[in-house]
Amino acid sequence: MAYMEKLSRMIALNQLYILIYSALAAVIGVNIYLFLLIFVFIAISMVVQSVLMSSGLGEKSSYVAEVLSGKKLFHEDNARAIQTKDTLIYMDLQEQTKFSLYTTLGVLVGLAYFFAFWRYVPDFANFLSLRLFDSPMKDVSVSYMRLLLFLAFLIYFEGYFVINQGITMWALGRVKKLPALNMPTSYIVTDKGIVIKGLMTTKGIRFPLPPDIEVTLNKERRFVELSRHGRRTISKLRLYTKNPEKLYEIIRRAAYPQQTP
């Protein structure tokens, strides 16, 4: 999935969540339950962004069973021990760390916005009532009151979205390309693909690989890397191992069978 397509989906999903949460907030009102709802909204927004803006190498959880059904060719369950010996890894993570710091700043600014203005939403709804109906909100019908609260919360949530999205776009402008470097601690290679075992999820990449995914070998730093360069992104899967030459040959032969004798 191209970067702009991912971005468009992320924006569309966030707008859907904003509409849903604005409707819920209009019913709940300003109280402790709304406060909890706000944190759920922020958490979901962050998860959606994390999922949609994840690595672009085509890995999916649904591929795991299919890949594991193939013949096992290579297995590494202690990649972290080899990774810690890579003294140059900090250079590879500079852009990714920089972008993470910028987006964290966006979250903090967004939280400050929520804390500062959430209690004033009813006042804003009352202001809208005076503008639209020439009456304070307490004098309009219940249905119109809900509508006014919905509009007020909609604008309130959109404010967070604009702040977060604005800082994200600013952060993208501060890095050369949006980096996504995945370094699993454990993985399995079969003749049908690669299974990546992370802390929370397990995903699979199917063979053969698309022609725009490049496989490279770094003997000195002891890893094999799969990479795909997009217009605004660089997606990389780095597989550390004690025997990178063997792993490279296995992946090259299994992933690109038409290119090997």
C-alpha atoms as a PDB file:
ATOM      1  CA  MET A   1       0.000   0.000   0.000  1.00  0.00           C
ATOM      2  CA  ALA A   2       1.462   3.376  -1.053  1.00  0.00           C
ATOM      3  CA  TYR A   3       2.165   6.011   1.578  1.00  0.00           C
ATOM      4  CA  MET A   4      -0.485   8.457   0.327  1.00  0.00           C
ATOM      5  CA  GLU A   5      -3.084   5.659   0.263  1.00  0.00           C
ATOM      6  CA  LYS A   6      -2.216   4.759   3.859  1.00  0.00           C
ATOM      7  CA  LEU A   7      -2.443   8.410   4.853  1.00  0.00           C
ATOM      8  CA  SER A   8      -5.844   8.770   3.180  1.00  0.00           C
ATOM      9  CA  ARG A   9      -7.176   5.681   4.984  1.00  0.00           C
ATOM     10  CA  MET A  10      -5.821   6.911   8.300  1.00  0.00           C
ATOM     11  CA  ILE A  11      -7.539  10.290   7.839  1.00  0.00           C
ATOM     12  CA  ALA A  12     -10.824   8.637   6.821  1.00  0.00           C
ATOM     13  CA  LEU A  13     -10.801   6.288   9.846  1.00  0.00           C
ATOM     14  CA  ASN A  14      -9.967   9.108  12.237  1.00  0.00           C
ATOM     15  CA  GLN A  15     -12.831  11.177  10.829  1.00  0.00           C
ATOM     16  CA  LEU A  16     -15.183   8.239  11.370  1.00  0.00           C
ATOM     17  CA  TYR A  17     -14.021   7.891  14.985  1.00  0.00           C
ATOM     18  CA  ILE A  18     -14.453  11.638  15.504  1.00  0.00           C
ATOM     19  CA  LEU A  19     -18.079  11.459  14.339  1.00  0.00           C
ATOM     20  CA  ILE A  20     -18.803   8.460  16.580  1.00  0.00           C
ATOM     21  CA  TYR A  21     -17.125   9.949  19.643  1.00  0.00           C
ATOM     22  CA  SER A  22     -18.772  13.329  19.113  1.00  0.00           C
ATOM     23  CA  ALA A  23     -22.177  11.628  19.115  1.00  0.00           C
ATOM     24  CA  LEU A  24     -21.312   9.635  22.253  1.00  0.00           C
ATOM     25  CA  ALA A  25     -19.928  12.713  24.000  1.00  0.00           C
ATOM     26  CA  ALA A  26     -23.107  14.664  23.233  1.00  0.00           C
ATOM     27  CA  VAL A  27     -25.051  12.040  25.174  1.00  0.00           C
ATOM     28  CA  ILE A  28     -22.545  11.558  28.013  1.00  0.00           C
ATOM     29  CA  GLY A  29     -21.868  15.247  28.667  1.00  0.00           C
ATOM     30  CA  VAL A  30     -18.851  16.728  30.462  1.00  0.00           C
ATOM     31  CA  ASN A  31     -17.997  14.358  33.320  1.00  0.00           C
ATOM     32  CA  ILE A  32     -15.508  11.669  34.297  1.00  0.00           C
ATOM     33  CA  TYR A  33     -16.912   9.303  31.668  1.00  0.00           C
ATOM     34  CA  LEU A  34     -16.137  11.838  28.960  1.00  0.00           C
ATOM     35  CA  PHE A  35     -12.625  12.134  30.375  1.00  0.00           C
ATOM     36  CA  LEU A  36     -12.163   8.367  29.993  1.00  0.00           C
ATOM     37  CA  LEU A  37     -13.715   8.515  26.527  1.00  0.00           C
ATOM     38  CA  ILE A  38     -11.121  11.079  25.475  1.00  0.00           C
ATOM     39  CA  PHE A  39      -8.259   8.783  26.464  1.00  0.00           C
ATOM     40  CA  VAL A  40      -9.875   5.921  24.547  1.00  0.00           C
ATOM     41  CA  PHE A  41     -10.160   8.225  21.531  1.00  0.00           C
ATOM     42  CA  ILE A  42      -6.474   9.155  21.738  1.00  0.00           C
ATOM     43  CA  ALA A  43      -5.434   5.522  22.170  1.00  0.00           C
ATOM     44  CA  ILE A  44      -7.475   4.367  19.172  1.00  0.00           C
ATOM     45  CA  SER A  45      -6.093   7.201  17.037  1.00  0.00           C
ATOM     46  CA  MET A  46      -2.542   6.179  17.922  1.00  0.00           C
ATOM     47  CA  VAL A  47      -3.224   2.484  17.224  1.00  0.00           C
ATOM     48  CA  VAL A  48      -4.841   3.291  13.871  1.00  0.00           C
ATOM     49  CA  GLN A  49      -1.886   5.436  12.896  1.00  0.00           C
ATOM     50  CA  SER A  50       0.578   2.766  14.018  1.00  0.00           C
ATOM     51  CA  VAL A  51      -1.164   0.001  12.042  1.00  0.00           C
ATOM     52  CA  LEU A  52      -1.735   1.956   8.860  1.00  0.00           C
ATOM     53  CA  MET A  53       1.699   3.561   8.812  1.00  0.00           C
ATOM     54  CA  SER A  54       3.557   0.347   9.605  1.00  0.00           C
ATOM     55  CA  SER A  55       6.127  -1.333   7.384  1.00  0.00           C
ATOM     56  CA  GLY A  56       5.230  -1.557   3.702  1.00  0.00           C
ATOM     57  CA  LEU A  57       6.711  -4.987   2.967  1.00  0.00           C
ATOM     58  CA  GLY A  58       3.325  -6.689   2.731  1.00  0.00           C
ATOM     59  CA  GLU A  59       3.466  -8.576   6.026  1.00  0.00           C
ATOM     60  CA  LYS A  60       0.152  -9.766   7.468  1.00  0.00           C
ATOM     61  CA  SER A  61      -0.943 -11.898  10.409  1.00  0.00           C
ATOM     62  CA  SER A  62      -3.184 -13.886   8.062  1.00  0.00           C
ATOM     63  CA  TYR A  63      -0.111 -15.145   6.187  1.00  0.00           C
ATOM     64  CA  VAL A  64       1.450 -16.871   9.221  1.00  0.00           C
ATOM     65  CA  ALA A  65      -0.314 -20.236   8.914  1.00  0.00           C
ATOM     66  CA  GLU A  66       0.352 -20.433   5.176  1.00  0.00           C
ATOM     67  CA  VAL A  67       4.055 -19.631   5.577  1.00  0.00           C
ATOM     68  CA  LEU A  68       4.514 -22.079   8.461  1.00  0.00           C
ATOM     69  CA  SER A  69       2.944 -24.842   6.391  1.00  0.00           C
ATOM     70  CA  GLY A  70       6.022 -24.777   4.154  1.00  0.00           C
ATOM     71  CA  LYS A  71       9.347 -26.507   4.623  1.00  0.00           C
ATOM     72  CA  LYS A  72      11.442 -24.859   7.355  1.00  0.00           C
ATOM     73  CA  LEU A  73      14.716 -23.569   5.917  1.00  0.00           C
ATOM     74  CA  PHE A  74      16.085 -21.282   8.641  1.00  0.00           C
ATOM     75  CA  HIS A  75      15.266 -20.310  12.229  1.00  0.00           C
ATOM     76  CA  GLU A  76      16.700 -17.610  14.473  1.00  0.00           C
ATOM     77  CA  ASP A  77      15.365 -17.143  18.011  1.00  0.00           C
ATOM     78  CA  ASN A  78      18.080 -14.947  19.540  1.00  0.00           C
ATOM     79  CA  ALA A  79      18.553 -12.139  17.040  1.00  0.00           C
ATOM     80  CA  ARG A  80      18.620  -9.572  19.841  1.00  0.00           C
ATOM     81  CA  ALA A  81      21.960 -10.866  21.138  1.00  0.00           C
ATOM     82  CA  ILE A  82      23.534 -10.317  17.716  1.00  0.00           C
ATOM     83  CA  GLN A  83      21.812  -6.967  17.240  1.00  0.00           C
ATOM     84  CA  THR A  84      23.267  -5.583  20.481  1.00  0.00           C
ATOM     85  CA  LYS A  85      26.761  -6.126  19.071  1.00  0.00           C
ATOM     86  CA  ASP A  86      26.029  -3.935  16.053  1.00  0.00           C
ATOM     87  CA  THR A  87      27.810  -0.698  16.996  1.00  0.00           C
ATOM     88  CA  LEU A  88      26.503   1.185  13.943  1.00  0.00           C
ATOM     89  CA  ILE A  89      22.814   0.578  14.560  1.00  0.00           C
ATOM     90  CA  TYR A  90      22.323   3.995  16.169  1.00  0.00           C
ATOM     91  CA  MET A  91      23.113   5.625  12.827  1.00  0.00           C
ATOM     92  CA  ASP A  92      20.335   3.651  11.112  1.00  0.00           C
ATOM     93  CA  LEU A  93      17.846   4.679  13.784  1.00  0.00           C
ATOM     94  CA  GLN A  94      18.580   8.409  13.722  1.00  0.00           C
ATOM     95  CA  GLU A  95      15.815   9.380  11.276  1.00  0.00           C
ATOM     96  CA  GLN A  96      13.307   6.996  12.856  1.00  0.00           C
ATOM     97  CA  THR A  97      14.113   8.293  16.349  1.00  0.00           C
ATOM     98  CA  LYS A  98      13.833  11.885  15.152  1.00  0.00           C
ATOM     99  CA  PHE A  99      10.413  11.246  13.619  1.00  0.00           C
ATOM    100  CA  SER A 100       9.240   9.430  16.776  1.00  0.00           C
ATOM    101  CA  LEU A 101      10.275  12.381  18.924  1.00  0.00           C
ATOM    102  CA  TYR A 102       8.369  14.788  16.685  1.00  0.00           C
ATOM    103  CA  THR A 103       5.204  12.675  16.749  1.00  0.00           C
ATOM    104  CA  THR A 104       5.502  12.269  20.529  1.00  0.00           C
ATOM    105  CA  LEU A 105       5.580  16.048  20.705  1.00  0.00           C
ATOM    106  CA  GLY A 106       2.331  16.054  18.743  1.00  0.00           C
ATOM    107  CA  VAL A 107       0.711  13.703  21.253  1.00  0.00           C
ATOM    108  CA  LEU A 108       1.835  15.891  24.171  1.00  0.00           C
ATOM    109  CA  VAL A 109       0.512  19.035  22.504  1.00  0.00           C
ATOM    110  CA  GLY A 110      -2.747  17.214  21.775  1.00  0.00           C
ATOM    111  CA  LEU A 111      -3.068  16.122  25.411  1.00  0.00           C
ATOM    112  CA  ALA A 112      -2.426  19.684  26.553  1.00  0.00           C
ATOM    113  CA  TYR A 113      -5.190  20.827  24.208  1.00  0.00           C
ATOM    114  CA  PHE A 114      -7.604  18.237  25.634  1.00  0.00           C
ATOM    115  CA  PHE A 115      -6.842  19.115  29.244  1.00  0.00           C
ATOM    116  CA  ALA A 116      -7.092  22.840  28.575  1.00  0.00           C
ATOM    117  CA  PHE A 117     -10.374  22.939  26.653  1.00  0.00           C
ATOM    118  CA  TRP A 118     -12.490  19.858  27.397  1.00  0.00           C
ATOM    119  CA  ARG A 119     -14.408  21.534  30.236  1.00  0.00           C
ATOM    120  CA  TYR A 120     -15.322  24.501  28.018  1.00  0.00           C
ATOM    121  CA  VAL A 121     -17.181  22.459  25.403  1.00  0.00           C
ATOM    122  CA  PRO A 122     -20.636  23.180  26.984  1.00  0.00           C
ATOM    123  CA  ASP A 123     -19.810  26.906  26.932  1.00  0.00           C
ATOM    124  CA  PHE A 124     -18.973  26.615  23.250  1.00  0.00           C
ATOM    125  CA  ALA A 125     -22.232  24.723  22.658  1.00  0.00           C
ATOM    126  CA  ASN A 126     -24.077  27.551  24.399  1.00  0.00           C
ATOM    127  CA  PHE A 127     -22.277  30.048  22.158  1.00  0.00           C
ATOM    128  CA  LEU A 128     -23.441  28.079  19.104  1.00  0.00           C
ATOM    129  CA  SER A 129     -26.996  28.102  20.492  1.00  0.00           C
ATOM    130  CA  LEU A 130     -26.937  31.883  20.800  1.00  0.00           C
ATOM    131  CA  ARG A 131     -25.635  32.182  17.241  1.00  0.00           C
ATOM    132  CA  LEU A 132     -27.998  29.672  15.655  1.00  0.00           C
ATOM    133  CA  PHE A 133     -31.190  30.052  17.719  1.00  0.00           C
ATOM    134  CA  ASP A 134     -30.756  33.422  19.481  1.00  0.00           C
ATOM    135  CA  SER A 135     -31.369  31.569  22.748  1.00  0.00           C
ATOM    136  CA  PRO A 136     -29.167  30.009  25.425  1.00  0.00           C
ATOM    137  CA  MET A 137     -28.843  26.252  25.186  1.00  0.00           C
ATOM    138  CA  LYS A 138     -30.944  25.658  28.306  1.00  0.00           C
ATOM    139  CA  ASP A 139     -33.976  27.150  26.520  1.00  0.00           C
ATOM    140  CA  VAL A 140     -33.889  24.941  23.416  1.00  0.00           C
ATOM    141  CA  SER A 141     -35.412  21.475  23.079  1.00  0.00           C
ATOM    142  CA  VAL A 142     -33.506  18.351  24.145  1.00  0.00           C
ATOM    143  CA  SER A 143     -32.949  17.263  20.536  1.00  0.00           C
ATOM    144  CA  TYR A 144     -31.451  20.638  19.615  1.00  0.00           C
ATOM    145  CA  MET A 145     -29.360  20.562  22.782  1.00  0.00           C
ATOM    146  CA  ARG A 146     -27.898  17.206  21.719  1.00  0.00           C
ATOM    147  CA  LEU A 147     -27.237  18.607  18.263  1.00  0.00           C
ATOM    148  CA  LEU A 148     -25.443  21.637  19.703  1.00  0.00           C
ATOM    149  CA  LEU A 149     -23.308  19.439  21.951  1.00  0.00           C
ATOM    150  CA  PHE A 150     -22.532  17.173  19.011  1.00  0.00           C
ATOM    151  CA  LEU A 151     -21.332  20.134  16.936  1.00  0.00           C
ATOM    152  CA  ALA A 152     -19.294  21.497  19.831  1.00  0.00           C
ATOM    153  CA  PHE A 153     -17.613  18.155  20.488  1.00  0.00           C
ATOM    154  CA  LEU A 154     -17.088  17.626  16.756  1.00  0.00           C
ATOM    155  CA  ILE A 155     -15.154  20.876  16.525  1.00  0.00           C
ATOM    156  CA  TYR A 156     -13.319  20.033  19.751  1.00  0.00           C
ATOM    157  CA  PHE A 157     -12.168  16.603  18.496  1.00  0.00           C
ATOM    158  CA  GLU A 158     -11.318  18.038  15.098  1.00  0.00           C
ATOM    159  CA  GLY A 159      -9.037  20.472  16.887  1.00  0.00           C
ATOM    160  CA  TYR A 160      -6.999  17.579  18.257  1.00  0.00           C
ATOM    161  CA  PHE A 161      -6.934  15.943  14.828  1.00  0.00           C
ATOM    162  CA  VAL A 162      -5.678  19.133  13.157  1.00  0.00           C
ATOM    163  CA  ILE A 163      -2.961  19.577  15.795  1.00  0.00           C
ATOM    164  CA  ASN A 164      -1.820  15.957  15.563  1.00  0.00           C
ATOM    165  CA  GLN A 165      -1.971  15.824  11.776  1.00  0.00           C
ATOM    166  CA  GLY A 166      -0.261  19.190  11.431  1.00  0.00           C
ATOM    167  CA  ILE A 167       2.667  18.138  13.610  1.00  0.00           C
ATOM    168  CA  THR A 168       2.891  14.805  11.744  1.00  0.00           C
ATOM    169  CA  MET A 169       3.129  16.594   8.399  1.00  0.00           C
ATOM    170  CA  TRP A 170       5.675  18.992   9.889  1.00  0.00           C
ATOM    171  CA  ALA A 171       7.683  16.000  11.149  1.00  0.00           C
ATOM    172  CA  LEU A 172       7.598  14.417   7.681  1.00  0.00           C
ATOM    173  CA  GLY A 173       9.109  17.593   6.314  1.00  0.00           C
ATOM    174  CA  ARG A 174      11.957  17.356   8.824  1.00  0.00           C
ATOM    175  CA  VAL A 175      13.106  13.872   7.728  1.00  0.00           C
ATOM    176  CA  LYS A 176      14.378  12.792   4.328  1.00  0.00           C
ATOM    177  CA  LYS A 177      11.984   9.859   4.144  1.00  0.00           C
ATOM    178  CA  LEU A 178       9.651   8.290   6.678  1.00  0.00           C
ATOM    179  CA  PRO A 179      11.686   5.328   7.985  1.00  0.00           C
ATOM    180  CA  ALA A 180      10.254   2.037   9.182  1.00  0.00           C
ATOM    181  CA  LEU A 181      12.989  -0.319  10.388  1.00  0.00           C
ATOM    182  CA  ASN A 182      11.737  -3.599  11.843  1.00  0.00           C
ATOM    183  CA  MET A 183      14.256  -5.810  13.669  1.00  0.00           C
ATOM    184  CA  PRO A 184      12.478  -8.931  14.982  1.00  0.00           C
ATOM    185  CA  THR A 185      13.992 -10.862  17.863  1.00  0.00           C
ATOM    186  CA  SER A 186      12.851 -14.151  16.378  1.00  0.00           C
ATOM    187  CA  TYR A 187      11.903 -15.327  12.901  1.00  0.00           C
ATOM    188  CA  ILE A 188      11.402 -18.441  10.777  1.00  0.00           C
ATOM    189  CA  VAL A 189      12.103 -18.788   7.056  1.00  0.00           C
ATOM    190  CA  THR A 190      10.302 -21.466   5.046  1.00  0.00           C
ATOM    191  CA  ASP A 191      10.029 -22.095   1.330  1.00  0.00           C
ATOM    192  CA  LYS A 192       6.742 -20.141   1.471  1.00  0.00           C
ATOM    193  CA  GLY A 193       7.943 -17.013   3.240  1.00  0.00           C
ATOM    194  CA  ILE A 194       9.140 -15.453   6.480  1.00  0.00           C
ATOM    195  CA  VAL A 195       7.360 -15.406   9.840  1.00  0.00           C
ATOM    196  CA  ILE A 196       8.316 -12.452  12.046  1.00  0.00           C
ATOM    197  CA  LYS A 197       7.733 -12.837  15.767  1.00  0.00           C
ATOM    198  CA  GLY A 198       7.383  -9.522  17.615  1.00  0.00           C
ATOM    199  CA  LEU A 199       6.567  -8.625  21.198  1.00  0.00           C
ATOM    200  CA  MET A 200       2.816  -8.362  20.553  1.00  0.00           C
ATOM    201  CA  THR A 201       2.155  -9.690  17.048  1.00  0.00           C
ATOM    202  CA  THR A 202       3.344 -12.393  14.663  1.00  0.00           C
ATOM    203  CA  LYS A 203       3.201 -11.664  10.949  1.00  0.00           C
ATOM    204  CA  GLY A 204       4.127 -13.420   7.749  1.00  0.00           C
ATOM    205  CA  ILE A 205       5.660 -12.339   4.440  1.00  0.00           C
ATOM    206  CA  ARG A 206       4.907 -14.583   1.490  1.00  0.00           C
ATOM    207  CA  PHE A 207       7.308 -15.765  -1.205  1.00  0.00           C
ATOM    208  CA  PRO A 208       7.967 -14.940  -3.961  1.00  0.00           C
ATOM    209  CA  LEU A 209       8.742 -11.347  -3.067  1.00  0.00           C
ATOM    210  CA  PRO A 210       7.637  -8.461  -5.296  1.00  0.00           C
ATOM    211  CA  PRO A 211      10.407  -7.241  -7.621  1.00  0.00           C
ATOM    212  CA  ASP A 212      10.599  -3.847  -5.871  1.00  0.00           C
ATOM    213  CA  ILE A 213      11.722  -5.462  -2.585  1.00  0.00           C
ATOM    214  CA  GLU A 214      15.497  -5.608  -2.449  1.00  0.00           C
ATOM    215  CA  VAL A 215      17.395  -8.223  -0.433  1.00  0.00           C
ATOM    216  CA  THR A 216      20.879  -7.217   0.725  1.00  0.00           C
ATOM    217  CA  LEU A 217      23.613  -8.871   2.781  1.00  0.00           C
ATOM    218  CA  ASN A 218      25.860  -7.221   5.353  1.00  0.00           C
ATOM    219  CA  LYS A 219      28.493  -9.722   6.476  1.00  0.00           C
ATOM    220  CA  GLU A 220      30.342  -7.363   8.821  1.00  0.00           C
ATOM    221  CA  ARG A 221      27.232  -6.420  10.794  1.00  0.00           C
ATOM    222  CA  ARG A 222      25.728  -9.897  10.393  1.00  0.00           C
ATOM    223  CA  PHE A 223      22.281  -9.266   8.967  1.00  0.00           C
ATOM    224  CA  VAL A 224      20.176  -9.725   5.856  1.00  0.00           C
ATOM    225  CA  GLU A 225      17.837  -6.877   5.021  1.00  0.00           C
ATOM    226  CA  LEU A 226      14.668  -6.656   2.956  1.00  0.00           C
ATOM    227  CA  SER A 227      13.901  -3.102   1.859  1.00  0.00           C
ATOM    228  CA  ARG A 228      11.365  -1.232  -0.225  1.00  0.00           C
ATOM    229  CA  HIS A 229      11.745   2.419  -1.181  1.00  0.00           C
ATOM    230  CA  GLY A 230       8.583   4.457  -1.662  1.00  0.00           C
ATOM    231  CA  ARG A 231       8.183   8.086  -2.641  1.00  0.00           C
ATOM    232  CA  ARG A 232       8.048   9.231   0.994  1.00  0.00           C
ATOM    233  CA  THR A 233       8.936   6.054   2.886  1.00  0.00           C
ATOM    234  CA  ILE A 234      11.658   3.456   3.391  1.00  0.00           C
ATOM    235  CA  SER A 235      10.454   0.123   4.767  1.00  0.00           C
ATOM    236  CA  LYS A 236      13.100  -2.283   6.039  1.00  0.00           C
ATOM    237  CA  LEU A 237      13.077  -5.702   7.657  1.00  0.00           C
ATOM    238  CA  ARG A 238      16.459  -6.499   9.193  1.00  0.00           C
ATOM    239  CA  LEU A 239      17.183 -10.127  10.096  1.00  0.00           C
ATOM    240  CA  TYR A 240      20.202 -10.517  12.369  1.00  0.00           C
ATOM    241  CA  THR A 241      21.851 -13.921  12.442  1.00  0.00           C
ATOM    242  CA  LYS A 242      25.160 -15.643  13.175  1.00  0.00           C
ATOM    243  CA  ASN A 243      25.197 -16.970   9.616  1.00  0.00           C
ATOM    244  CA  PRO A 244      24.040 -14.126   7.324  1.00  0.00           C
ATOM    245  CA  GLU A 245      25.571 -15.662   4.165  1.00  0.00           C
ATOM    246  CA  LYS A 246      23.473 -18.815   4.534  1.00  0.00           C
ATOM    247  CA  LEU A 247      20.316 -16.837   5.281  1.00  0.00           C
ATOM    248  CA  TYR A 248      20.916 -14.571   2.289  1.00  0.00           C
ATOM    249  CA  GLU A 249      21.238 -17.510  -0.093  1.00  0.00           C
ATOM    250  CA  ILE A 250      18.122 -19.184   1.321  1.00  0.00           C
ATOM    251  CA  ILE A 251      16.006 -16.051   0.946  1.00  0.00           C
ATOM    252  CA  ARG A 252      17.419 -15.245  -2.492  1.00  0.00           C
ATOM    253  CA  ARG A 253      16.629 -18.710  -3.820  1.00  0.00           C
ATOM    254  CA  ALA A 254      13.193 -18.999  -2.173  1.00  0.00           C
ATOM    255  CA  ALA A 255      12.036 -15.419  -2.736  1.00  0.00           C
ATOM    256  CA  TYR A 256      13.222 -15.077  -6.345  1.00  0.00           C
ATOM    257  CA  PRO A 257      13.096 -18.612  -7.810  1.00  0.00           C
ATOM    258  CA  GLN A 258      12.937 -17.298 -11.370  1.00  0.00           C
ATOM    259  CA  GLN A 259      16.275 -15.494 -10.916  1.00  0.00           C
ATOM    260  CA  THR A 260      18.246 -18.440  -9.505  1.00  0.00           C
ATOM    261  CA  PRO A 261      19.646 -21.359 -11.513  1.00  0.00           C
END
